N, C-alpha and C. Protein backbone atom coordinates (compact mmCIF):
# COMPACT_ATOMS: atom_id res chain seq x y z
N MET A 1 217.68 -70.81 75.54
CA MET A 1 217.64 -69.58 74.89
C MET A 1 216.38 -68.84 75.20
N PRO A 2 216.33 -67.96 76.18
CA PRO A 2 215.12 -67.24 76.53
C PRO A 2 214.64 -66.50 75.48
N THR A 3 213.36 -66.15 75.53
CA THR A 3 212.76 -65.18 74.40
C THR A 3 212.83 -63.81 74.78
N PHE A 4 212.61 -63.01 73.77
CA PHE A 4 212.37 -61.63 73.97
C PHE A 4 211.56 -61.09 72.78
N VAL A 5 210.96 -59.89 72.84
CA VAL A 5 209.99 -59.35 71.80
C VAL A 5 210.39 -58.19 71.15
N TYR A 6 210.39 -58.18 69.81
CA TYR A 6 210.68 -56.90 69.09
C TYR A 6 209.40 -56.06 69.19
N MET A 7 209.35 -54.95 69.96
CA MET A 7 208.17 -54.24 70.18
C MET A 7 207.63 -53.59 68.80
N THR A 8 208.48 -53.35 67.85
CA THR A 8 208.01 -52.67 66.69
C THR A 8 207.27 -53.72 65.72
N ARG A 9 207.50 -55.01 65.92
CA ARG A 9 206.70 -56.00 65.15
C ARG A 9 205.57 -56.45 65.88
N CYS A 10 205.48 -56.43 67.16
CA CYS A 10 204.34 -56.96 68.05
C CYS A 10 203.06 -56.02 67.86
N ASP A 11 202.01 -56.65 67.74
CA ASP A 11 200.75 -55.80 67.71
C ASP A 11 199.76 -56.18 68.81
N GLY A 12 200.28 -57.01 69.82
CA GLY A 12 199.58 -57.34 70.98
C GLY A 12 198.46 -58.30 70.70
N CYS A 13 198.58 -59.24 69.91
CA CYS A 13 197.56 -60.23 69.55
C CYS A 13 197.24 -61.13 70.70
N GLY A 14 198.26 -61.39 71.51
CA GLY A 14 198.10 -62.32 72.65
C GLY A 14 198.33 -63.85 72.43
N HIS A 15 198.65 -64.21 71.06
CA HIS A 15 198.88 -65.65 70.87
C HIS A 15 200.01 -66.23 71.74
N CYS A 16 201.05 -65.43 72.06
CA CYS A 16 202.17 -65.86 72.83
C CYS A 16 201.61 -66.05 74.41
N VAL A 17 200.77 -65.15 74.72
CA VAL A 17 200.39 -65.19 76.21
C VAL A 17 199.42 -66.49 76.35
N ASP A 18 198.69 -66.67 75.40
CA ASP A 18 197.76 -67.78 75.58
C ASP A 18 198.46 -69.18 75.47
N ILE A 19 199.52 -69.24 74.81
CA ILE A 19 200.33 -70.65 74.60
C ILE A 19 201.34 -70.78 75.44
N CYS A 20 201.90 -69.75 76.30
CA CYS A 20 202.97 -69.95 77.10
C CYS A 20 202.69 -70.92 78.38
N PRO A 21 203.35 -72.10 78.40
CA PRO A 21 203.09 -72.97 79.60
C PRO A 21 203.62 -72.41 80.92
N SER A 22 204.51 -71.56 80.84
CA SER A 22 205.11 -71.11 82.25
C SER A 22 204.53 -69.69 82.51
N ASP A 23 203.47 -69.27 81.82
CA ASP A 23 202.89 -67.97 82.26
C ASP A 23 203.85 -66.75 82.29
N ILE A 24 204.71 -66.69 81.50
CA ILE A 24 205.68 -65.59 81.55
C ILE A 24 205.56 -64.60 80.45
N MET A 25 204.84 -64.86 79.48
CA MET A 25 204.64 -63.89 78.45
C MET A 25 203.26 -63.10 78.80
N HIS A 26 203.40 -61.76 78.72
CA HIS A 26 202.32 -60.91 79.10
C HIS A 26 202.21 -59.68 78.10
N ILE A 27 201.09 -59.03 78.09
CA ILE A 27 200.86 -57.91 77.34
C ILE A 27 200.95 -56.63 78.31
N ASP A 28 201.81 -55.65 77.93
CA ASP A 28 202.01 -54.57 78.73
C ASP A 28 200.78 -53.56 78.64
N LYS A 29 200.24 -53.23 79.72
CA LYS A 29 198.97 -52.44 79.73
C LYS A 29 199.18 -51.01 79.13
N VAL A 30 200.40 -50.49 79.12
CA VAL A 30 200.54 -49.18 78.60
C VAL A 30 200.89 -49.22 76.95
N THR A 31 201.98 -50.04 76.73
CA THR A 31 202.26 -50.15 75.25
C THR A 31 201.34 -51.16 74.36
N ARG A 32 200.64 -52.00 75.04
CA ARG A 32 199.87 -53.01 74.32
C ARG A 32 200.67 -53.84 73.43
N ARG A 33 201.94 -54.12 74.00
CA ARG A 33 202.87 -55.10 73.39
C ARG A 33 203.25 -56.21 74.34
N ALA A 34 203.58 -57.43 73.85
CA ALA A 34 204.00 -58.44 74.61
C ALA A 34 205.43 -58.31 75.10
N TYR A 35 205.63 -59.01 76.27
CA TYR A 35 207.00 -59.01 76.81
C TYR A 35 207.05 -60.32 77.73
N ASN A 36 208.40 -60.66 77.86
CA ASN A 36 208.67 -61.82 78.61
C ASN A 36 209.13 -61.20 79.97
N ARG A 37 208.16 -61.40 80.98
CA ARG A 37 208.58 -60.92 82.32
C ARG A 37 209.52 -61.51 83.22
N GLU A 38 209.90 -62.78 82.78
CA GLU A 38 210.84 -63.53 83.59
C GLU A 38 211.74 -64.45 82.61
N PRO A 39 212.66 -63.86 81.92
CA PRO A 39 213.34 -64.63 81.03
C PRO A 39 214.03 -65.71 81.59
N ASN A 40 214.56 -65.65 82.84
CA ASN A 40 215.33 -66.72 83.37
C ASN A 40 214.39 -68.00 83.82
N MET A 41 212.98 -67.73 83.77
CA MET A 41 212.05 -68.75 84.00
C MET A 41 211.56 -69.47 82.80
N CYS A 42 212.11 -68.89 81.59
CA CYS A 42 211.60 -69.52 80.34
C CYS A 42 211.95 -70.88 80.25
N TRP A 43 210.85 -71.88 79.89
CA TRP A 43 211.12 -73.27 79.59
C TRP A 43 211.83 -73.61 78.30
N GLU A 44 211.91 -72.64 77.45
CA GLU A 44 212.60 -72.79 76.20
C GLU A 44 211.84 -73.72 75.30
N CYS A 45 210.46 -73.73 75.40
CA CYS A 45 209.67 -74.65 74.53
C CYS A 45 209.47 -73.93 73.21
N TYR A 46 209.63 -72.60 73.15
CA TYR A 46 209.39 -71.78 71.92
C TYR A 46 208.11 -71.88 71.39
N SER A 47 207.21 -72.13 72.03
CA SER A 47 205.67 -72.10 71.67
C SER A 47 205.34 -70.73 71.29
N CYS A 48 205.83 -69.77 72.06
CA CYS A 48 205.53 -68.35 71.75
C CYS A 48 206.07 -67.93 70.34
N VAL A 49 207.28 -68.48 70.19
CA VAL A 49 208.15 -68.05 69.01
C VAL A 49 207.46 -68.51 67.71
N LYS A 50 206.97 -69.82 67.91
CA LYS A 50 206.41 -70.50 66.73
C LYS A 50 204.94 -70.05 66.44
N SER A 51 204.22 -69.58 67.53
CA SER A 51 202.79 -69.19 67.33
C SER A 51 202.74 -67.82 66.94
N CYS A 52 203.64 -66.91 67.05
CA CYS A 52 203.74 -65.40 66.77
C CYS A 52 203.44 -65.27 65.31
N PRO A 53 202.28 -64.66 64.85
CA PRO A 53 202.00 -64.56 63.40
C PRO A 53 202.86 -63.31 62.78
N HIS A 54 203.47 -62.56 63.67
CA HIS A 54 204.12 -61.38 63.14
C HIS A 54 205.77 -61.57 63.25
N HIS A 55 206.12 -62.73 63.71
CA HIS A 55 207.66 -63.11 63.84
C HIS A 55 208.20 -62.04 64.82
N ALA A 56 207.54 -61.60 65.78
CA ALA A 56 207.88 -60.57 66.69
C ALA A 56 208.76 -61.12 67.93
N ILE A 57 208.85 -62.43 68.16
CA ILE A 57 209.49 -63.06 69.26
C ILE A 57 210.78 -63.74 68.68
N ASP A 58 211.81 -63.46 69.34
CA ASP A 58 213.05 -64.04 68.89
C ASP A 58 213.64 -64.67 70.33
N VAL A 59 214.91 -65.42 70.00
CA VAL A 59 215.49 -66.01 71.18
C VAL A 59 216.92 -65.47 71.16
N ARG A 60 217.46 -65.43 72.47
CA ARG A 60 218.82 -65.24 72.76
C ARG A 60 219.54 -66.43 72.86
N GLY A 61 220.54 -66.87 71.98
CA GLY A 61 221.19 -68.06 71.87
C GLY A 61 222.30 -68.10 72.84
N TYR A 62 222.73 -69.18 73.43
CA TYR A 62 223.62 -69.31 74.26
C TYR A 62 225.13 -69.33 73.63
N ALA A 63 226.16 -68.69 74.28
CA ALA A 63 227.25 -68.33 73.81
C ALA A 63 228.16 -69.61 73.36
N ASP A 64 227.70 -70.70 73.80
CA ASP A 64 228.50 -72.01 73.42
C ASP A 64 228.27 -72.45 71.89
N PHE A 65 227.25 -71.90 71.35
CA PHE A 65 227.01 -72.37 69.81
C PHE A 65 226.70 -71.13 69.06
N ALA A 66 226.41 -70.01 69.65
CA ALA A 66 226.06 -68.73 69.00
C ALA A 66 226.72 -67.58 69.70
N PRO A 67 227.92 -67.12 69.35
CA PRO A 67 228.50 -66.00 70.22
C PRO A 67 227.87 -64.69 70.04
N LEU A 68 228.34 -63.82 71.02
CA LEU A 68 227.78 -62.50 71.07
C LEU A 68 227.64 -61.81 69.60
N GLY A 69 226.61 -61.12 69.48
CA GLY A 69 226.36 -60.40 68.13
C GLY A 69 225.56 -61.19 67.13
N HIS A 70 225.12 -62.32 67.54
CA HIS A 70 224.42 -63.17 66.52
C HIS A 70 222.94 -62.91 66.63
N SER A 71 222.22 -63.59 65.93
CA SER A 71 220.59 -63.47 65.98
C SER A 71 220.10 -64.85 65.62
N VAL A 72 219.01 -65.26 66.12
CA VAL A 72 218.31 -66.49 65.87
C VAL A 72 216.91 -66.03 65.41
N ARG A 73 216.54 -66.53 64.23
CA ARG A 73 215.10 -66.18 63.70
C ARG A 73 214.48 -67.44 63.34
N VAL A 74 213.20 -67.42 63.55
CA VAL A 74 212.38 -68.54 63.22
C VAL A 74 211.25 -68.22 62.14
N ASN A 75 211.10 -69.14 61.29
CA ASN A 75 210.07 -69.00 60.21
C ASN A 75 209.23 -70.06 60.09
N ARG A 76 207.96 -69.81 60.45
CA ARG A 76 206.90 -71.03 60.46
C ARG A 76 206.14 -70.84 59.09
N GLU A 77 206.24 -71.84 58.39
CA GLU A 77 205.51 -71.87 57.02
C GLU A 77 204.50 -72.97 57.08
N GLU A 78 203.38 -72.55 57.53
CA GLU A 78 202.14 -73.44 57.62
C GLU A 78 201.78 -74.26 56.17
N ASP A 79 202.00 -73.60 55.06
CA ASP A 79 201.69 -74.07 53.75
C ASP A 79 202.62 -75.24 53.39
N LYS A 80 203.91 -75.12 53.91
CA LYS A 80 204.88 -76.30 53.64
C LYS A 80 204.95 -77.11 54.77
N GLY A 81 204.27 -76.83 55.85
CA GLY A 81 204.36 -77.79 56.99
C GLY A 81 205.77 -77.77 57.73
N THR A 82 206.48 -76.67 57.72
CA THR A 82 207.84 -76.68 58.29
C THR A 82 207.99 -75.39 59.25
N ILE A 83 209.12 -75.57 60.10
CA ILE A 83 209.49 -74.59 60.78
C ILE A 83 211.01 -74.43 60.50
N ALA A 84 211.49 -73.25 60.20
CA ALA A 84 212.98 -73.02 59.98
C ALA A 84 213.68 -72.11 60.91
N TRP A 85 214.75 -72.65 61.45
CA TRP A 85 215.49 -71.63 62.36
C TRP A 85 216.75 -71.31 61.62
N LYS A 86 217.00 -70.04 61.79
CA LYS A 86 218.12 -69.55 61.05
C LYS A 86 219.18 -68.70 62.03
N ILE A 87 220.48 -69.09 62.20
CA ILE A 87 221.28 -68.38 62.90
C ILE A 87 222.18 -67.65 62.15
N THR A 88 222.38 -66.35 62.36
CA THR A 88 223.20 -65.56 61.70
C THR A 88 224.35 -65.05 62.62
N PHE A 89 225.59 -65.45 62.40
CA PHE A 89 226.74 -65.10 63.24
C PHE A 89 227.29 -63.72 63.09
N ARG A 90 227.88 -63.19 63.87
CA ARG A 90 228.30 -61.76 63.82
C ARG A 90 229.21 -61.63 62.71
N ASP A 91 230.00 -62.64 62.06
CA ASP A 91 230.80 -62.48 60.84
C ASP A 91 230.02 -62.74 59.54
N GLY A 92 228.68 -62.73 59.75
CA GLY A 92 227.87 -62.92 58.48
C GLY A 92 227.43 -64.35 58.06
N ARG A 93 228.13 -65.32 58.63
CA ARG A 93 227.78 -66.71 58.33
C ARG A 93 226.40 -67.11 58.84
N THR A 94 225.84 -67.85 58.09
CA THR A 94 224.49 -68.41 58.51
C THR A 94 224.38 -69.75 58.64
N LYS A 95 223.53 -70.34 59.46
CA LYS A 95 223.20 -71.82 59.61
C LYS A 95 221.81 -72.00 59.67
N SER A 96 221.26 -72.76 58.96
CA SER A 96 219.79 -73.02 58.99
C SER A 96 219.36 -74.38 59.27
N PHE A 97 218.28 -74.51 59.98
CA PHE A 97 217.65 -75.83 60.52
C PHE A 97 216.23 -75.87 60.02
N LEU A 98 215.89 -76.97 59.52
CA LEU A 98 214.31 -77.05 59.02
C LEU A 98 213.90 -78.32 59.65
N SER A 99 212.66 -78.08 60.15
CA SER A 99 211.98 -79.21 60.84
C SER A 99 210.47 -79.14 60.39
N PRO A 100 209.98 -80.48 60.36
CA PRO A 100 208.50 -80.57 60.05
C PRO A 100 207.67 -80.27 61.20
N ILE A 101 206.58 -79.55 60.96
CA ILE A 101 205.54 -79.18 62.05
C ILE A 101 204.77 -80.48 62.32
N THR A 102 204.80 -80.83 63.57
CA THR A 102 204.05 -82.04 63.96
C THR A 102 203.01 -81.74 64.85
N THR A 103 202.86 -80.49 65.30
CA THR A 103 201.78 -80.05 66.23
C THR A 103 200.45 -79.84 65.53
N LYS A 104 199.43 -79.70 66.24
CA LYS A 104 198.12 -79.40 65.69
C LYS A 104 198.04 -77.94 65.45
N PRO A 105 197.30 -77.54 64.40
CA PRO A 105 197.09 -76.10 63.95
C PRO A 105 196.62 -75.24 64.97
N TRP A 106 196.91 -73.96 65.01
CA TRP A 106 196.31 -72.99 66.00
C TRP A 106 194.89 -73.08 66.01
N GLY A 107 194.16 -73.01 67.11
CA GLY A 107 192.81 -73.18 67.13
C GLY A 107 192.12 -74.40 67.00
N SER A 108 192.87 -75.52 66.77
CA SER A 108 192.21 -76.85 66.76
C SER A 108 191.99 -77.33 68.06
N GLU A 109 191.17 -78.38 68.06
CA GLU A 109 190.78 -78.91 69.45
C GLU A 109 191.90 -79.76 70.06
N ILE A 110 192.06 -79.49 71.35
CA ILE A 110 193.02 -80.19 72.14
C ILE A 110 192.32 -81.52 72.71
N PRO A 111 192.91 -82.61 72.54
CA PRO A 111 192.20 -83.89 72.86
C PRO A 111 191.88 -83.91 74.42
N ASN A 112 190.73 -84.42 74.79
CA ASN A 112 190.28 -84.55 76.20
C ASN A 112 190.77 -85.89 76.64
N LEU A 113 191.93 -85.87 77.33
CA LEU A 113 192.43 -87.25 77.79
C LEU A 113 191.61 -87.86 78.88
N ALA A 114 190.65 -87.25 79.45
CA ALA A 114 189.83 -87.83 80.40
C ALA A 114 188.90 -88.83 79.71
N LYS A 115 188.83 -88.61 78.47
CA LYS A 115 187.73 -89.52 77.76
C LYS A 115 188.61 -90.72 77.23
N GLU A 116 189.96 -90.67 77.19
CA GLU A 116 190.72 -91.81 76.73
C GLU A 116 190.82 -92.99 77.67
N PRO A 117 190.82 -94.16 77.24
CA PRO A 117 191.08 -95.30 78.16
C PRO A 117 192.38 -95.21 78.97
N ALA A 118 192.47 -96.00 79.96
CA ALA A 118 193.65 -95.86 80.87
C ALA A 118 194.90 -96.52 79.94
N PRO A 119 196.06 -96.04 80.13
CA PRO A 119 197.26 -96.57 79.44
C PRO A 119 197.36 -97.98 79.65
N THR A 120 197.75 -98.90 78.61
CA THR A 120 198.04 -100.18 78.92
C THR A 120 199.59 -100.45 79.55
N ASP A 121 199.84 -101.64 79.83
CA ASP A 121 201.13 -101.98 80.45
C ASP A 121 202.21 -101.58 79.42
N SER A 122 202.01 -101.91 78.15
CA SER A 122 202.92 -101.70 77.05
C SER A 122 203.14 -100.16 76.78
N MET A 123 202.22 -99.38 76.87
CA MET A 123 202.20 -97.97 76.94
C MET A 123 203.06 -97.39 77.92
N ARG A 124 202.90 -98.01 79.24
CA ARG A 124 203.63 -97.49 80.37
C ARG A 124 205.04 -97.93 80.23
N LYS A 125 205.45 -99.09 79.70
CA LYS A 125 206.78 -99.32 79.50
C LYS A 125 207.52 -98.75 78.33
N SER A 126 206.72 -98.09 77.31
CA SER A 126 207.29 -97.55 76.12
C SER A 126 208.07 -96.31 76.41
N PRO A 127 209.02 -95.79 75.64
CA PRO A 127 209.70 -94.63 75.82
C PRO A 127 208.74 -93.44 75.46
N LEU A 128 207.81 -93.92 74.75
CA LEU A 128 206.90 -92.68 74.22
C LEU A 128 205.96 -92.24 75.34
N LEU A 129 205.47 -91.09 75.11
CA LEU A 129 204.32 -90.57 76.33
C LEU A 129 203.13 -91.33 75.91
N SER A 130 202.23 -91.34 76.85
CA SER A 130 200.94 -92.11 76.72
C SER A 130 200.15 -91.40 75.51
N PHE A 131 199.70 -92.12 74.62
CA PHE A 131 198.93 -91.63 73.39
C PHE A 131 199.67 -90.85 72.39
N GLU A 132 201.11 -90.81 72.66
CA GLU A 132 201.79 -89.87 71.75
C GLU A 132 201.66 -90.20 70.24
N PRO A 133 201.86 -91.46 69.92
CA PRO A 133 201.64 -91.80 68.58
C PRO A 133 200.37 -91.31 67.91
N LYS A 134 199.37 -91.56 68.71
CA LYS A 134 198.05 -91.09 68.04
C LYS A 134 197.87 -89.48 67.93
N TYR A 135 198.51 -88.78 68.96
CA TYR A 135 198.19 -87.38 68.83
C TYR A 135 199.19 -86.65 68.01
N ILE A 136 200.33 -87.23 67.68
CA ILE A 136 201.37 -86.75 66.65
C ILE A 136 201.19 -87.48 65.26
N ARG A 137 200.05 -88.06 65.12
CA ARG A 137 199.73 -88.60 63.83
C ARG A 137 200.54 -89.80 63.42
N MET A 138 201.14 -90.49 64.33
CA MET A 138 201.95 -91.61 63.95
C MET A 138 201.17 -92.84 63.70
N ASP A 139 199.91 -92.79 64.34
CA ASP A 139 199.05 -93.97 64.16
C ASP A 139 198.60 -94.12 62.71
N GLU A 140 198.67 -93.14 61.84
CA GLU A 140 198.26 -93.07 60.53
C GLU A 140 199.34 -93.72 59.63
N GLY A 141 200.46 -94.06 60.13
CA GLY A 141 201.58 -94.42 59.39
C GLY A 141 202.85 -94.02 60.07
N GLU A 142 203.56 -93.17 59.33
CA GLU A 142 204.88 -92.71 59.95
C GLU A 142 204.55 -91.16 60.38
N LEU A 143 205.55 -90.88 61.18
CA LEU A 143 205.66 -89.66 61.76
C LEU A 143 205.86 -88.51 60.36
N ASN A 144 205.24 -87.33 60.56
CA ASN A 144 205.44 -86.31 59.45
C ASN A 144 206.95 -86.13 59.33
N THR A 145 207.48 -86.04 58.12
CA THR A 145 208.92 -85.76 57.71
C THR A 145 208.84 -84.67 56.76
N LEU A 146 210.02 -84.11 56.51
CA LEU A 146 210.20 -83.23 55.46
C LEU A 146 209.82 -83.67 54.19
N GLU A 147 210.09 -84.96 53.75
CA GLU A 147 209.82 -85.67 52.69
C GLU A 147 208.27 -85.90 52.58
N SER A 148 207.62 -86.34 53.58
CA SER A 148 206.24 -86.55 53.47
C SER A 148 205.43 -85.15 53.34
N ASN A 149 206.02 -84.15 53.55
CA ASN A 149 205.45 -82.71 53.59
C ASN A 149 205.77 -82.20 52.10
N GLY A 150 206.45 -82.98 51.23
CA GLY A 150 206.62 -82.61 49.89
C GLY A 150 207.73 -81.74 49.46
N LEU A 151 208.85 -81.75 50.46
CA LEU A 151 209.98 -81.04 50.34
C LEU A 151 211.03 -81.86 49.66
N GLU A 152 211.91 -81.34 48.94
CA GLU A 152 213.09 -82.07 48.46
C GLU A 152 214.48 -81.65 48.92
N LEU A 153 215.25 -82.59 49.08
CA LEU A 153 216.74 -82.13 49.51
C LEU A 153 217.55 -81.78 48.33
N LYS A 154 218.03 -80.55 48.40
CA LYS A 154 218.92 -80.12 47.35
C LYS A 154 220.11 -79.37 47.82
N GLU A 155 221.22 -79.92 47.51
CA GLU A 155 222.53 -79.45 48.18
C GLU A 155 222.46 -79.20 49.63
N GLY A 156 221.97 -80.33 50.28
CA GLY A 156 221.94 -80.29 51.84
C GLY A 156 220.82 -79.51 52.49
N VAL A 157 219.91 -78.83 51.68
CA VAL A 157 218.97 -78.09 52.26
C VAL A 157 217.47 -78.51 51.61
N TYR A 158 216.50 -78.62 52.41
CA TYR A 158 215.19 -79.00 51.89
C TYR A 158 214.42 -77.76 51.43
N TYR A 159 213.76 -77.96 50.26
CA TYR A 159 212.99 -76.87 49.43
C TYR A 159 211.59 -77.41 49.30
């Protein structure tokens, strides 16, 4: 699902440009608004969608799960530690998905992997990435979940 920008919501802050791993998000020099210059090259990581403080970036869903006329919205709630995705179908039905935020906060230090020791044999044989448990905070216990972020399941939805 490639991304696109609602120009009326974008203020040109550049968070999406800074975080895009494929370098396709840019700020237009005339309008001072972000845009995706190569939607077909989008990695679909949605880092730009999640980092946009103005909810100006949306995604175009594929027709196999979200037919023409739909919309996909994301809502990042730092205080609850969640990211919610909501699909509104053209007939008005909605489907919501809620996930815990497991990434580091915007502006926090990215670890310097050059200072880490070489991966062990068990790390190389593991299905996890090298140092993944440490950097997604699994080494402190369990992976963040909706329950560990203080949300309760009510009628199939976490609040």
